[in-house]
Structures are given as structure tokens and as C-alpha cells.
Amino acid sequence: MTFLLNWLFTSIAIAIADWFVPGIIVLGAVEPWLCYVFTGLFLSLVNSLIKPIMTVLALPLTIITLGVFQLVVNGIMLELASSLSLNLLGAGIAITGFGSAFVGAIIVSIMCTILGVSKK
């Protein structure tokens, strides 16, 4: 049940990021809300499977930058989730550049915190 709520709140956060960031574009032959759901699913999976490994590998840079590099890791995870969603399901969000992914990841992180998504 927790994963489903995390998935739902992450999808809502991605929709809000799409509304604020001009470099995030909805792509696919399905309704836009399904694109957010697909990307939210992959972002939840990437955050639970790959992000812990990336966080440990990036720990020296995160310590040197006083935690700011973790925002870069979040941007990479959003870009990876977007790519997986588009390539595997044919629908999702397209991110035009790393700057858009970076700002989008900040917005998604803030919205997930507000909505109460548990980070593990």
C-alpha cells in the first residue's frame, strides 16, 4: 500500500513539475495523466533500486559540496526514469536538458516532501 501511495504522490509531483518547468514535455499516444503515471512508476522504482547505489557512490562529492550534489543525483534519477518510461512504454515525459531535469528534480523533491512521500 505504501508503494502505491508513493507512486501516486510522485506522479502528482511530476505533473506539477511539468507545469512549472518549460523543458519537461509530455510525449506519447496516451492521455497526459497516463504519461505522469508511467514516469511516476519508473521514478519510484529507480528511487528504490538505483538511487541508494548512486548515493553511496556520490558520497564523497556530496560531502565536499555540503549536500548540494545530491540534487544532481536527483536530476539524474529523474532523467533515467523519463528515459525508461519513454523507451519501455512509449509514453512519459521528455526532458530537454540537464538544467530542466535539475529544476524538475528539485520541484519533485519539494512536492514529495509536502505530499508526504516516504524516502527510504
PDB file of N, CA and C in Angstrom:
ATOM      1  N   MET A   1       0.818  -1.193   0.000  1.00  0.00           N
ATOM      2  CA  MET A   1       0.000   0.000   0.000  1.00  0.00           C
ATOM      3  C   MET A   1       0.866   1.264   0.000  1.00  0.00           C
ATOM      4  N   THR A   2       1.976   1.211   0.718  1.00  0.00           N
ATOM      5  CA  THR A   2       2.866   2.359   0.781  1.00  0.00           C
ATOM      6  C   THR A   2       3.457   2.673  -0.591  1.00  0.00           C
ATOM      7  N   PHE A   3       3.832   1.623  -1.342  1.00  0.00           N
ATOM      8  CA  PHE A   3       4.396   1.847  -2.674  1.00  0.00           C
ATOM      9  C   PHE A   3       3.367   2.513  -3.578  1.00  0.00           C
ATOM     10  N   LEU A   4       2.099   2.112  -3.489  1.00  0.00           N
ATOM     11  CA  LEU A   4       1.061   2.704  -4.333  1.00  0.00           C
ATOM     12  C   LEU A   4       0.854   4.184  -4.000  1.00  0.00           C
ATOM     13  N   LEU A   5       0.883   4.516  -2.717  1.00  0.00           N
ATOM     14  CA  LEU A   5       0.756   5.927  -2.342  1.00  0.00           C
ATOM     15  C   LEU A   5       1.968   6.735  -2.792  1.00  0.00           C
ATOM     16  N   ASN A   6       3.161   6.165  -2.634  1.00  0.00           N
ATOM     17  CA  ASN A   6       4.364   6.842  -3.119  1.00  0.00           C
ATOM     18  C   ASN A   6       4.290   7.064  -4.625  1.00  0.00           C
ATOM     19  N   TRP A   7       3.819   6.058  -5.335  1.00  0.00           N
ATOM     20  CA  TRP A   7       3.669   6.147  -6.787  1.00  0.00           C
ATOM     21  C   TRP A   7       2.681   7.254  -7.154  1.00  0.00           C
ATOM     22  N   LEU A   8       1.548   7.298  -6.481  1.00  0.00           N
ATOM     23  CA  LEU A   8       0.536   8.314  -6.752  1.00  0.00           C
ATOM     24  C   LEU A   8       1.072   9.715  -6.479  1.00  0.00           C
ATOM     25  N   PHE A   9       1.697   9.908  -5.316  1.00  0.00           N
ATOM     26  CA  PHE A   9       2.208  11.236  -4.964  1.00  0.00           C
ATOM     27  C   PHE A   9       3.373  11.652  -5.858  1.00  0.00           C
ATOM     28  N   THR A  10       4.188  10.702  -6.266  1.00  0.00           N
ATOM     29  CA  THR A  10       5.286  11.013  -7.182  1.00  0.00           C
ATOM     30  C   THR A  10       4.741  11.418  -8.541  1.00  0.00           C
ATOM     31  N   SER A  11       3.696  10.753  -8.991  1.00  0.00           N
ATOM     32  CA  SER A  11       3.068  11.115 -10.269  1.00  0.00           C
ATOM     33  C   SER A  11       2.482  12.522 -10.209  1.00  0.00           C
ATOM     34  N   ILE A  12       1.861  12.864  -9.098  1.00  0.00           N
ATOM     35  CA  ILE A  12       1.320  14.218  -8.925  1.00  0.00           C
ATOM     36  C   ILE A  12       2.459  15.241  -8.912  1.00  0.00           C
ATOM     37  N   ALA A  13       3.549  14.897  -8.245  1.00  0.00           N
ATOM     38  CA  ALA A  13       4.700  15.810  -8.197  1.00  0.00           C
ATOM     39  C   ALA A  13       5.302  16.013  -9.585  1.00  0.00           C
ATOM     40  N   ILE A  14       5.338  14.967 -10.401  1.00  0.00           N
ATOM     41  CA  ILE A  14       5.851  15.095 -11.767  1.00  0.00           C
ATOM     42  C   ILE A  14       4.933  15.981 -12.601  1.00  0.00           C
ATOM     43  N   ALA A  15       3.624  15.851 -12.410  1.00  0.00           N
ATOM     44  CA  ALA A  15       2.678  16.706 -13.135  1.00  0.00           C
ATOM     45  C   ALA A  15       2.875  18.172 -12.758  1.00  0.00           C
ATOM     46  N   ILE A  16       3.126  18.436 -11.489  1.00  0.00           N
ATOM     47  CA  ILE A  16       3.370  19.816 -11.043  1.00  0.00           C
ATOM     48  C   ILE A  16       4.689  20.332 -11.614  1.00  0.00           C
ATOM     49  N   ALA A  17       5.708  19.479 -11.650  1.00  0.00           N
ATOM     50  CA  ALA A  17       6.992  19.886 -12.233  1.00  0.00           C
ATOM     51  C   ALA A  17       6.837  20.179 -13.718  1.00  0.00           C
ATOM     52  N   ASP A  18       6.012  19.397 -14.416  1.00  0.00           N
ATOM     53  CA  ASP A  18       5.768  19.647 -15.839  1.00  0.00           C
ATOM     54  C   ASP A  18       5.099  20.999 -16.034  1.00  0.00           C
ATOM     55  N   TRP A  19       4.247  21.370 -15.113  1.00  0.00           N
ATOM     56  CA  TRP A  19       3.544  22.636 -15.229  1.00  0.00           C
ATOM     57  C   TRP A  19       4.494  23.814 -15.018  1.00  0.00           C
ATOM     58  N   PHE A  20       5.501  23.657 -14.132  1.00  0.00           N
ATOM     59  CA  PHE A  20       6.411  24.755 -13.818  1.00  0.00           C
ATOM     60  C   PHE A  20       7.636  24.839 -14.730  1.00  0.00           C
ATOM     61  N   VAL A  21       8.161  23.706 -15.173  1.00  0.00           N
ATOM     62  CA  VAL A  21       9.429  23.690 -15.921  1.00  0.00           C
ATOM     63  C   VAL A  21       9.131  23.602 -17.413  1.00  0.00           C
ATOM     64  N   PRO A  22       9.567  24.597 -18.199  1.00  0.00           N
ATOM     65  CA  PRO A  22       9.272  24.556 -19.632  1.00  0.00           C
ATOM     66  C   PRO A  22      10.027  23.473 -20.399  1.00  0.00           C
ATOM     67  N   GLY A  23      11.077  22.909 -19.851  1.00  0.00           N
ATOM     68  CA  GLY A  23      11.855  21.894 -20.543  1.00  0.00           C
ATOM     69  C   GLY A  23      11.351  20.477 -20.358  1.00  0.00           C
ATOM     70  N   ILE A  24      10.241  20.301 -19.647  1.00  0.00           N
ATOM     71  CA  ILE A  24       9.639  18.981 -19.469  1.00  0.00           C
ATOM     72  C   ILE A  24       8.414  18.908 -20.365  1.00  0.00           C
ATOM     73  N   ILE A  25       8.412  17.908 -21.261  1.00  0.00           N
ATOM     74  CA  ILE A  25       7.367  17.790 -22.275  1.00  0.00           C
ATOM     75  C   ILE A  25       6.716  16.418 -22.162  1.00  0.00           C
ATOM     76  N   VAL A  26       5.400  16.378 -22.245  1.00  0.00           N
ATOM     77  CA  VAL A  26       4.668  15.114 -22.214  1.00  0.00           C
ATOM     78  C   VAL A  26       4.672  14.521 -23.624  1.00  0.00           C
ATOM     79  N   LEU A  27       5.099  13.261 -23.727  1.00  0.00           N
ATOM     80  CA  LEU A  27       5.138  12.566 -25.017  1.00  0.00           C
ATOM     81  C   LEU A  27       4.417  11.235 -24.907  1.00  0.00           C
ATOM     82  N   GLY A  28       3.750  10.851 -25.972  1.00  0.00           N
ATOM     83  CA  GLY A  28       3.090   9.552 -26.017  1.00  0.00           C
ATOM     84  C   GLY A  28       1.720   9.674 -26.654  1.00  0.00           C
ATOM     85  N   ALA A  29       1.203   8.536 -27.079  1.00  0.00           N
ATOM     86  CA  ALA A  29      -0.098   8.500 -27.744  1.00  0.00           C
ATOM     87  C   ALA A  29      -1.220   8.240 -26.756  1.00  0.00           C
ATOM     88  N   VAL A  30      -0.979   8.485 -25.486  1.00  0.00           N
ATOM     89  CA  VAL A  30      -1.988   8.277 -24.457  1.00  0.00           C
ATOM     90  C   VAL A  30      -2.306   9.609 -23.795  1.00  0.00           C
ATOM     91  N   GLU A  31      -3.256   9.589 -22.884  1.00  0.00           N
ATOM     92  CA  GLU A  31      -3.617  10.799 -22.153  1.00  0.00           C
ATOM     93  C   GLU A  31      -2.420  11.302 -21.336  1.00  0.00           C
ATOM     94  N   PRO A  32      -2.311  12.607 -21.133  1.00  0.00           N
ATOM     95  CA  PRO A  32      -1.177  13.141 -20.362  1.00  0.00           C
ATOM     96  C   PRO A  32      -1.078  12.574 -18.944  1.00  0.00           C
ATOM     97  N   TRP A  33      -2.202  12.315 -18.296  1.00  0.00           N
ATOM     98  CA  TRP A  33      -2.136  11.798 -16.938  1.00  0.00           C
ATOM     99  C   TRP A  33      -1.502  10.411 -16.905  1.00  0.00           C
ATOM    100  N   LEU A  34      -1.661   9.623 -17.966  1.00  0.00           N
ATOM    101  CA  LEU A  34      -1.002   8.316 -18.025  1.00  0.00           C
ATOM    102  C   LEU A  34       0.506   8.471 -18.183  1.00  0.00           C
ATOM    103  N   CYS A  35       0.925   9.506 -18.884  1.00  0.00           N
ATOM    104  CA  CYS A  35       2.365   9.768 -19.010  1.00  0.00           C
ATOM    105  C   CYS A  35       2.967  10.069 -17.645  1.00  0.00           C
ATOM    106  N   TYR A  36       2.255  10.840 -16.820  1.00  0.00           N
ATOM    107  CA  TYR A  36       2.729  11.126 -15.467  1.00  0.00           C
ATOM    108  C   TYR A  36       2.753   9.858 -14.615  1.00  0.00           C
ATOM    109  N   VAL A  37       1.734   9.013 -14.784  1.00  0.00           N
ATOM    110  CA  VAL A  37       1.674   7.767 -14.014  1.00  0.00           C
ATOM    111  C   VAL A  37       2.812   6.832 -14.397  1.00  0.00           C
ATOM    112  N   PHE A  38       3.088   6.711 -15.694  1.00  0.00           N
ATOM    113  CA  PHE A  38       4.177   5.842 -16.148  1.00  0.00           C
ATOM    114  C   PHE A  38       5.527   6.346 -15.631  1.00  0.00           C
ATOM    115  N   THR A  39       5.746   7.646 -15.757  1.00  0.00           N
ATOM    116  CA  THR A  39       7.012   8.208 -15.289  1.00  0.00           C
ATOM    117  C   THR A  39       7.115   8.117 -13.770  1.00  0.00           C
ATOM    118  N   GLY A  40       6.000   8.321 -13.081  1.00  0.00           N
ATOM    119  CA  GLY A  40       5.991   8.184 -11.630  1.00  0.00           C
ATOM    120  C   GLY A  40       6.320   6.773 -11.187  1.00  0.00           C
ATOM    121  N   LEU A  41       5.831   5.778 -11.937  1.00  0.00           N
ATOM    122  CA  LEU A  41       6.149   4.383 -11.629  1.00  0.00           C
ATOM    123  C   LEU A  41       7.644   4.137 -11.754  1.00  0.00           C
ATOM    124  N   PHE A  42       8.215   4.567 -12.860  1.00  0.00           N
ATOM    125  CA  PHE A  42       9.645   4.347 -13.060  1.00  0.00           C
ATOM    126  C   PHE A  42      10.493   5.167 -12.091  1.00  0.00           C
ATOM    127  N   LEU A  43      10.043   6.377 -11.743  1.00  0.00           N
ATOM    128  CA  LEU A  43      10.798   7.165 -10.773  1.00  0.00           C
ATOM    129  C   LEU A  43      10.758   6.505  -9.396  1.00  0.00           C
ATOM    130  N   SER A  44       9.622   5.942  -9.030  1.00  0.00           N
ATOM    131  CA  SER A  44       9.542   5.226  -7.753  1.00  0.00           C
ATOM    132  C   SER A  44      10.452   4.010  -7.751  1.00  0.00           C
ATOM    133  N   LEU A  45      10.485   3.278  -8.857  1.00  0.00           N
ATOM    134  CA  LEU A  45      11.355   2.111  -8.957  1.00  0.00           C
ATOM    135  C   LEU A  45      12.827   2.501  -8.950  1.00  0.00           C
ATOM    136  N   VAL A  46      13.166   3.530  -9.705  1.00  0.00           N
ATOM    137  CA  VAL A  46      14.555   3.987  -9.768  1.00  0.00           C
ATOM    138  C   VAL A  46      15.003   4.503  -8.403  1.00  0.00           C
ATOM    139  N   ASN A  47      14.131   5.233  -7.702  1.00  0.00           N
ATOM    140  CA  ASN A  47      14.486   5.764  -6.383  1.00  0.00           C
ATOM    141  C   ASN A  47      14.678   4.655  -5.349  1.00  0.00           C
ATOM    142  N   SER A  48      13.963   3.552  -5.514  1.00  0.00           N
ATOM    143  CA  SER A  48      14.106   2.485  -4.521  1.00  0.00           C
ATOM    144  C   SER A  48      15.208   1.496  -4.879  1.00  0.00           C
ATOM    145  N   LEU A  49      15.580   1.373  -6.156  1.00  0.00           N
ATOM    146  CA  LEU A  49      16.568   0.375  -6.556  1.00  0.00           C
ATOM    147  C   LEU A  49      17.938   0.960  -6.888  1.00  0.00           C
ATOM    148  N   ILE A  50      17.977   2.027  -7.643  1.00  0.00           N
ATOM    149  CA  ILE A  50      19.246   2.553  -8.156  1.00  0.00           C
ATOM    150  C   ILE A  50      19.774   3.732  -7.334  1.00  0.00           C
ATOM    151  N   LYS A  51      18.874   4.555  -6.813  1.00  0.00           N
ATOM    152  CA  LYS A  51      19.316   5.755  -6.096  1.00  0.00           C
ATOM    153  C   LYS A  51      20.179   5.451  -4.874  1.00  0.00           C
ATOM    154  N   PRO A  52      19.888   4.411  -4.083  1.00  0.00           N
ATOM    155  CA  PRO A  52      20.796   4.141  -2.951  1.00  0.00           C
ATOM    156  C   PRO A  52      22.235   3.840  -3.390  1.00  0.00           C
ATOM    157  N   ILE A  53      22.379   3.140  -4.491  1.00  0.00           N
ATOM    158  CA  ILE A  53      23.722   2.837  -5.005  1.00  0.00           C
ATOM    159  C   ILE A  53      24.401   4.112  -5.471  1.00  0.00           C
ATOM    160  N   MET A  54      23.664   4.946  -6.204  1.00  0.00           N
ATOM    161  CA  MET A  54      24.233   6.216  -6.680  1.00  0.00           C
ATOM    162  C   MET A  54      24.581   7.144  -5.516  1.00  0.00           C
ATOM    163  N   THR A  55      23.774   7.117  -4.470  1.00  0.00           N
ATOM    164  CA  THR A  55      24.031   7.963  -3.314  1.00  0.00           C
ATOM    165  C   THR A  55      25.333   7.558  -2.625  1.00  0.00           C
ATOM    166  N   VAL A  56      25.555   6.257  -2.499  1.00  0.00           N
ATOM    167  CA  VAL A  56      26.799   5.790  -1.879  1.00  0.00           C
ATOM    168  C   VAL A  56      28.000   6.128  -2.757  1.00  0.00           C
ATOM    169  N   LEU A  57      27.858   5.945  -4.070  1.00  0.00           N
ATOM    170  CA  LEU A  57      28.967   6.260  -4.970  1.00  0.00           C
ATOM    171  C   LEU A  57      29.277   7.759  -4.998  1.00  0.00           C
ATOM    172  N   ALA A  58      28.258   8.581  -4.846  1.00  0.00           N
ATOM    173  CA  ALA A  58      28.443  10.035  -4.893  1.00  0.00           C
ATOM    174  C   ALA A  58      28.702  10.638  -3.526  1.00  0.00           C
ATOM    175  N   LEU A  59      28.840   9.823  -2.506  1.00  0.00           N
ATOM    176  CA  LEU A  59      29.009  10.339  -1.153  1.00  0.00           C
ATOM    177  C   LEU A  59      30.199  11.284  -0.989  1.00  0.00           C
ATOM    178  N   PRO A  60      31.368  10.982  -1.558  1.00  0.00           N
ATOM    179  CA  PRO A  60      32.473  11.950  -1.411  1.00  0.00           C
ATOM    180  C   PRO A  60      32.151  13.325  -1.991  1.00  0.00           C
ATOM    181  N   LEU A  61      31.550  13.354  -3.170  1.00  0.00           N
ATOM    182  CA  LEU A  61      31.184  14.652  -3.758  1.00  0.00           C
ATOM    183  C   LEU A  61      30.077  15.335  -2.968  1.00  0.00           C
ATOM    184  N   THR A  62      29.165  14.550  -2.433  1.00  0.00           N
ATOM    185  CA  THR A  62      28.092  15.120  -1.625  1.00  0.00           C
ATOM    186  C   THR A  62      28.651  15.741  -0.357  1.00  0.00           C
ATOM    187  N   ILE A  63      29.629  15.113   0.239  1.00  0.00           N
ATOM    188  CA  ILE A  63      30.246  15.660   1.449  1.00  0.00           C
ATOM    189  C   ILE A  63      31.027  16.935   1.122  1.00  0.00           C
ATOM    190  N   ILE A  64      31.777  16.909   0.022  1.00  0.00           N
ATOM    191  CA  ILE A  64      32.576  18.080  -0.364  1.00  0.00           C
ATOM    192  C   ILE A  64      31.682  19.281  -0.669  1.00  0.00           C
ATOM    193  N   THR A  65      30.536  19.026  -1.329  1.00  0.00           N
ATOM    194  CA  THR A  65      29.638  20.119  -1.707  1.00  0.00           C
ATOM    195  C   THR A  65      28.583  20.405  -0.655  1.00  0.00           C
ATOM    196  N   LEU A  66      28.740  19.814   0.527  1.00  0.00           N
ATOM    197  CA  LEU A  66      27.815  20.021   1.644  1.00  0.00           C
ATOM    198  C   LEU A  66      26.374  19.624   1.289  1.00  0.00           C
ATOM    199  N   GLY A  67      26.227  18.573   0.519  1.00  0.00           N
ATOM    200  CA  GLY A  67      24.913  18.021   0.208  1.00  0.00           C
ATOM    201  C   GLY A  67      24.293  18.496  -1.088  1.00  0.00           C
ATOM    202  N   VAL A  68      24.869  19.496  -1.717  1.00  0.00           N
ATOM    203  CA  VAL A  68      24.282  20.042  -2.939  1.00  0.00           C
ATOM    204  C   VAL A  68      24.343  19.036  -4.090  1.00  0.00           C
ATOM    205  N   PHE A  69      25.352  18.178  -4.103  1.00  0.00           N
ATOM    206  CA  PHE A  69      25.484  17.211  -5.192  1.00  0.00           C
ATOM    207  C   PHE A  69      24.338  16.202  -5.190  1.00  0.00           C
ATOM    208  N   GLN A  70      23.662  16.047  -4.066  1.00  0.00           N
ATOM    209  CA  GLN A  70      22.511  15.146  -4.026  1.00  0.00           C
ATOM    210  C   GLN A  70      21.407  15.632  -4.962  1.00  0.00           C
ATOM    211  N   LEU A  71      21.330  16.933  -5.196  1.00  0.00           N
ATOM    212  CA  LEU A  71      20.366  17.467  -6.166  1.00  0.00           C
ATOM    213  C   LEU A  71      20.717  17.010  -7.581  1.00  0.00           C
ATOM    214  N   VAL A  72      22.001  16.900  -7.878  1.00  0.00           N
ATOM    215  CA  VAL A  72      22.433  16.392  -9.178  1.00  0.00           C
ATOM    216  C   VAL A  72      22.032  14.920  -9.319  1.00  0.00           C
ATOM    217  N   VAL A  73      22.203  14.145  -8.250  1.00  0.00           N
ATOM    218  CA  VAL A  73      21.798  12.741  -8.272  1.00  0.00           C
ATOM    219  C   VAL A  73      20.287  12.635  -8.507  1.00  0.00           C
ATOM    220  N   ASN A  74      19.507  13.505  -7.871  1.00  0.00           N
ATOM    221  CA  ASN A  74      18.055  13.508  -8.087  1.00  0.00           C
ATOM    222  C   ASN A  74      17.714  13.839  -9.537  1.00  0.00           C
ATOM    223  N   GLY A  75      18.432  14.772 -10.144  1.00  0.00           N
ATOM    224  CA  GLY A  75      18.215  15.103 -11.553  1.00  0.00           C
ATOM    225  C   GLY A  75      18.532  13.936 -12.468  1.00  0.00           C
ATOM    226  N   ILE A  76      19.599  13.216 -12.156  1.00  0.00           N
ATOM    227  CA  ILE A  76      19.961  12.039 -12.948  1.00  0.00           C
ATOM    228  C   ILE A  76      18.887  10.964 -12.820  1.00  0.00           C
ATOM    229  N   MET A  77      18.338  10.788 -11.628  1.00  0.00           N
ATOM    230  CA  MET A  77      17.289   9.782 -11.418  1.00  0.00           C
ATOM    231  C   MET A  77      16.022  10.159 -12.191  1.00  0.00           C
ATOM    232  N   LEU A  78      15.673  11.444 -12.230  1.00  0.00           N
ATOM    233  CA  LEU A  78      14.508  11.879 -12.997  1.00  0.00           C
ATOM    234  C   LEU A  78      14.727  11.665 -14.486  1.00  0.00           C
ATOM    235  N   GLU A  79      15.925  11.976 -14.957  1.00  0.00           N
ATOM    236  CA  GLU A  79      16.259  11.760 -16.370  1.00  0.00           C
ATOM    237  C   GLU A  79      16.213  10.277 -16.717  1.00  0.00           C
ATOM    238  N   LEU A  80      16.724   9.423 -15.842  1.00  0.00           N
ATOM    239  CA  LEU A  80      16.702   7.978 -16.062  1.00  0.00           C
ATOM    240  C   LEU A  80      15.271   7.445 -16.085  1.00  0.00           C
ATOM    241  N   ALA A  81      14.437   7.904 -15.160  1.00  0.00           N
ATOM    242  CA  ALA A  81      13.043   7.465 -15.130  1.00  0.00           C
ATOM    243  C   ALA A  81      12.305   7.911 -16.386  1.00  0.00           C
ATOM    244  N   SER A  82      12.583   9.110 -16.845  1.00  0.00           N
ATOM    245  CA  SER A  82      11.968   9.611 -18.073  1.00  0.00           C
ATOM    246  C   SER A  82      12.378   8.767 -19.268  1.00  0.00           C
ATOM    247  N   SER A  83      13.652   8.455 -19.351  1.00  0.00           N
ATOM    248  CA  SER A  83      14.159   7.647 -20.454  1.00  0.00           C
ATOM    249  C   SER A  83      13.566   6.237 -20.438  1.00  0.00           C
ATOM    250  N   LEU A  84      13.516   5.621 -19.271  1.00  0.00           N
ATOM    251  CA  LEU A  84      12.936   4.279 -19.164  1.00  0.00           C
ATOM    252  C   LEU A  84      11.465   4.274 -19.552  1.00  0.00           C
ATOM    253  N   SER A  85      10.735   5.270 -19.101  1.00  0.00           N
ATOM    254  CA  SER A  85       9.313   5.355 -19.411  1.00  0.00           C
ATOM    255  C   SER A  85       9.069   5.504 -20.912  1.00  0.00           C
ATOM    256  N   LEU A  86       9.842   6.379 -21.539  1.00  0.00           N
ATOM    257  CA  LEU A  86       9.666   6.591 -22.976  1.00  0.00           C
ATOM    258  C   LEU A  86      10.104   5.381 -23.791  1.00  0.00           C
ATOM    259  N   ASN A  87      11.215   4.766 -23.411  1.00  0.00           N
ATOM    260  CA  ASN A  87      11.742   3.658 -24.204  1.00  0.00           C
ATOM    261  C   ASN A  87      11.006   2.348 -23.985  1.00  0.00           C
ATOM    262  N   LEU A  88      10.544   2.092 -22.781  1.00  0.00           N
ATOM    263  CA  LEU A  88       9.885   0.818 -22.497  1.00  0.00           C
ATOM    264  C   LEU A  88       8.379   0.849 -22.733  1.00  0.00           C
ATOM    265  N   LEU A  89       7.735   1.965 -22.416  1.00  0.00           N
ATOM    266  CA  LEU A  89       6.281   2.042 -22.548  1.00  0.00           C
ATOM    267  C   LEU A  89       5.812   2.951 -23.677  1.00  0.00           C
ATOM    268  N   GLY A  90       6.700   3.760 -24.217  1.00  0.00           N
ATOM    269  CA  GLY A  90       6.337   4.639 -25.322  1.00  0.00           C
ATOM    270  C   GLY A  90       5.580   5.881 -24.903  1.00  0.00           C
ATOM    271  N   ALA A  91       5.457   6.115 -23.620  1.00  0.00           N
ATOM    272  CA  ALA A  91       4.765   7.301 -23.130  1.00  0.00           C
ATOM    273  C   ALA A  91       5.442   7.747 -21.843  1.00  0.00           C
ATOM    274  N   GLY A  92       5.499   9.042 -21.650  1.00  0.00           N
ATOM    275  CA  GLY A  92       6.126   9.584 -20.449  1.00  0.00           C
ATOM    276  C   GLY A  92       6.454  11.044 -20.656  1.00  0.00           C
ATOM    277  N   ILE A  93       7.464  11.503 -19.955  1.00  0.00           N
ATOM    278  CA  ILE A  93       7.901  12.880 -20.123  1.00  0.00           C
ATOM    279  C   ILE A  93       9.271  12.879 -20.785  1.00  0.00           C
ATOM    280  N   ALA A  94       9.483  13.874 -21.610  1.00  0.00           N
ATOM    281  CA  ALA A  94      10.791  14.078 -22.227  1.00  0.00           C
ATOM    282  C   ALA A  94      11.405  15.315 -21.581  1.00  0.00           C
ATOM    283  N   ILE A  95      12.676  15.224 -21.260  1.00  0.00           N
ATOM    284  CA  ILE A  95      13.369  16.333 -20.624  1.00  0.00           C
ATOM    285  C   ILE A  95      14.410  16.847 -21.608  1.00  0.00           C
ATOM    286  N   THR A  96      14.348  18.149 -21.910  1.00  0.00           N
ATOM    287  CA  THR A  96      15.166  18.702 -22.978  1.00  0.00           C
ATOM    288  C   THR A  96      16.640  18.865 -22.613  1.00  0.00           C
ATOM    289  N   GLY A  97      16.958  18.993 -21.351  1.00  0.00           N
ATOM    290  CA  GLY A  97      18.349  19.164 -20.953  1.00  0.00           C
ATOM    291  C   GLY A  97      18.528  18.894 -19.480  1.00  0.00           C
ATOM    292  N   PHE A  98      19.790  18.878 -19.059  1.00  0.00           N
ATOM    293  CA  PHE A  98      20.038  18.584 -17.657  1.00  0.00           C
ATOM    294  C   PHE A  98      19.543  19.699 -16.743  1.00  0.00           C
ATOM    295  N   GLY A  99      19.542  20.925 -17.212  1.00  0.00           N
ATOM    296  CA  GLY A  99      19.021  22.029 -16.398  1.00  0.00           C
ATOM    297  C   GLY A  99      17.551  21.836 -16.076  1.00  0.00           C
ATOM    298  N   SER A 100      16.790  21.393 -17.066  1.00  0.00           N
ATOM    299  CA  SER A 100      15.376  21.109 -16.834  1.00  0.00           C
ATOM    300  C   SER A 100      15.199  19.929 -15.890  1.00  0.00           C
ATOM    301  N   ALA A 101      16.056  18.917 -16.030  1.00  0.00           N
ATOM    302  CA  ALA A 101      15.993  17.762 -15.131  1.00  0.00           C
ATOM    303  C   ALA A 101      16.349  18.179 -13.708  1.00  0.00           C
ATOM    304  N   PHE A 102      17.337  19.059 -13.568  1.00  0.00           N
ATOM    305  CA  PHE A 102      17.770  19.534 -12.259  1.00  0.00           C
ATOM    306  C   PHE A 102      16.656  20.306 -11.553  1.00  0.00           C
ATOM    307  N   VAL A 103      16.062  21.268 -12.267  1.00  0.00           N
ATOM    308  CA  VAL A 103      14.979  22.066 -11.684  1.00  0.00           C
ATOM    309  C   VAL A 103      13.754  21.188 -11.438  1.00  0.00           C
ATOM    310  N   GLY A 104      13.456  20.296 -12.381  1.00  0.00           N
ATOM    311  CA  GLY A 104      12.331  19.381 -12.209  1.00  0.00           C
ATOM    312  C   GLY A 104      12.513  18.476 -11.005  1.00  0.00           C
ATOM    313  N   ALA A 105      13.730  18.005 -10.788  1.00  0.00           N
ATOM    314  CA  ALA A 105      14.005  17.145  -9.633  1.00  0.00           C
ATOM    315  C   ALA A 105      13.851  17.916  -8.327  1.00  0.00           C
ATOM    316  N   ILE A 106      14.234  19.177  -8.320  1.00  0.00           N
ATOM    317  CA  ILE A 106      14.046  19.999  -7.126  1.00  0.00           C
ATOM    318  C   ILE A 106      12.556  20.143  -6.822  1.00  0.00           C
ATOM    319  N   ILE A 107      11.765  20.424  -7.855  1.00  0.00           N
ATOM    320  CA  ILE A 107      10.322  20.577  -7.661  1.00  0.00           C
ATOM    321  C   ILE A 107       9.692  19.263  -7.224  1.00  0.00           C
ATOM    322  N   VAL A 108      10.091  18.156  -7.849  1.00  0.00           N
ATOM    323  CA  VAL A 108       9.552  16.848  -7.461  1.00  0.00           C
ATOM    324  C   VAL A 108       9.925  16.534  -6.012  1.00  0.00           C
ATOM    325  N   SER A 109      11.139  16.823  -5.614  1.00  0.00           N
ATOM    326  CA  SER A 109      11.563  16.569  -4.232  1.00  0.00           C
ATOM    327  C   SER A 109      10.764  17.400  -3.236  1.00  0.00           C
ATOM    328  N   ILE A 110      10.572  18.672  -3.548  1.00  0.00           N
ATOM    329  CA  ILE A 110       9.798  19.543  -2.660  1.00  0.00           C
ATOM    330  C   ILE A 110       8.351  19.072  -2.568  1.00  0.00           C
ATOM    331  N   MET A 111       7.761  18.733  -3.709  1.00  0.00           N
ATOM    332  CA  MET A 111       6.363  18.293  -3.710  1.00  0.00           C
ATOM    333  C   MET A 111       6.195  16.951  -3.012  1.00  0.00           C
ATOM    334  N   CYS A 112       7.144  16.043  -3.188  1.00  0.00           N
ATOM    335  CA  CYS A 112       7.063  14.759  -2.492  1.00  0.00           C
ATOM    336  C   CYS A 112       7.190  14.952  -0.989  1.00  0.00           C
ATOM    337  N   THR A 113       8.000  15.902  -0.572  1.00  0.00           N
ATOM    338  CA  THR A 113       8.101  16.205   0.855  1.00  0.00           C
ATOM    339  C   THR A 113       6.805  16.779   1.391  1.00  0.00           C
ATOM    340  N   ILE A 114       6.199  17.681   0.636  1.00  0.00           N
ATOM    341  CA  ILE A 114       4.933  18.279   1.051  1.00  0.00           C
ATOM    342  C   ILE A 114       3.824  17.222   1.089  1.00  0.00           C
ATOM    343  N   LEU A 115       3.787  16.355   0.067  1.00  0.00           N
ATOM    344  CA  LEU A 115       2.739  15.334  -0.012  1.00  0.00           C
ATOM    345  C   LEU A 115       2.982  14.175   0.943  1.00  0.00           C
ATOM    346  N   GLY A 116       4.182  14.068   1.473  1.00  0.00           N
ATOM    347  CA  GLY A 116       4.451  13.045   2.478  1.00  0.00           C
ATOM    348  C   GLY A 116       4.943  11.727   1.943  1.00  0.00           C
ATOM    349  N   VAL A 117       5.638  11.737   0.818  1.00  0.00           N
ATOM    350  CA  VAL A 117       6.207  10.503   0.269  1.00  0.00           C
ATOM    351  C   VAL A 117       7.375  10.091   1.151  1.00  0.00           C
ATOM    352  N   SER A 118       7.358   8.833   1.587  1.00  0.00           N
ATOM    353  CA  SER A 118       8.445   8.372   2.450  1.00  0.00           C
ATOM    354  C   SER A 118       9.668   8.031   1.621  1.00  0.00           C
ATOM    355  N   LYS A 119      10.797   8.550   2.011  1.00  0.00           N
ATOM    356  CA  LYS A 119      12.067   8.282   1.341  1.00  0.00           C
ATOM    357  C   LYS A 119      12.810   7.224   2.133  1.00  0.00           C
ATOM    358  N   LYS A 120      13.145   6.136   1.473  1.00  0.00           N
ATOM    359  CA  LYS A 120      13.856   5.064   2.166  1.00  0.00           C
ATOM    360  C   LYS A 120      15.180   4.812   1.526  1.00  0.00           C
TER     361      LYS A 120
END
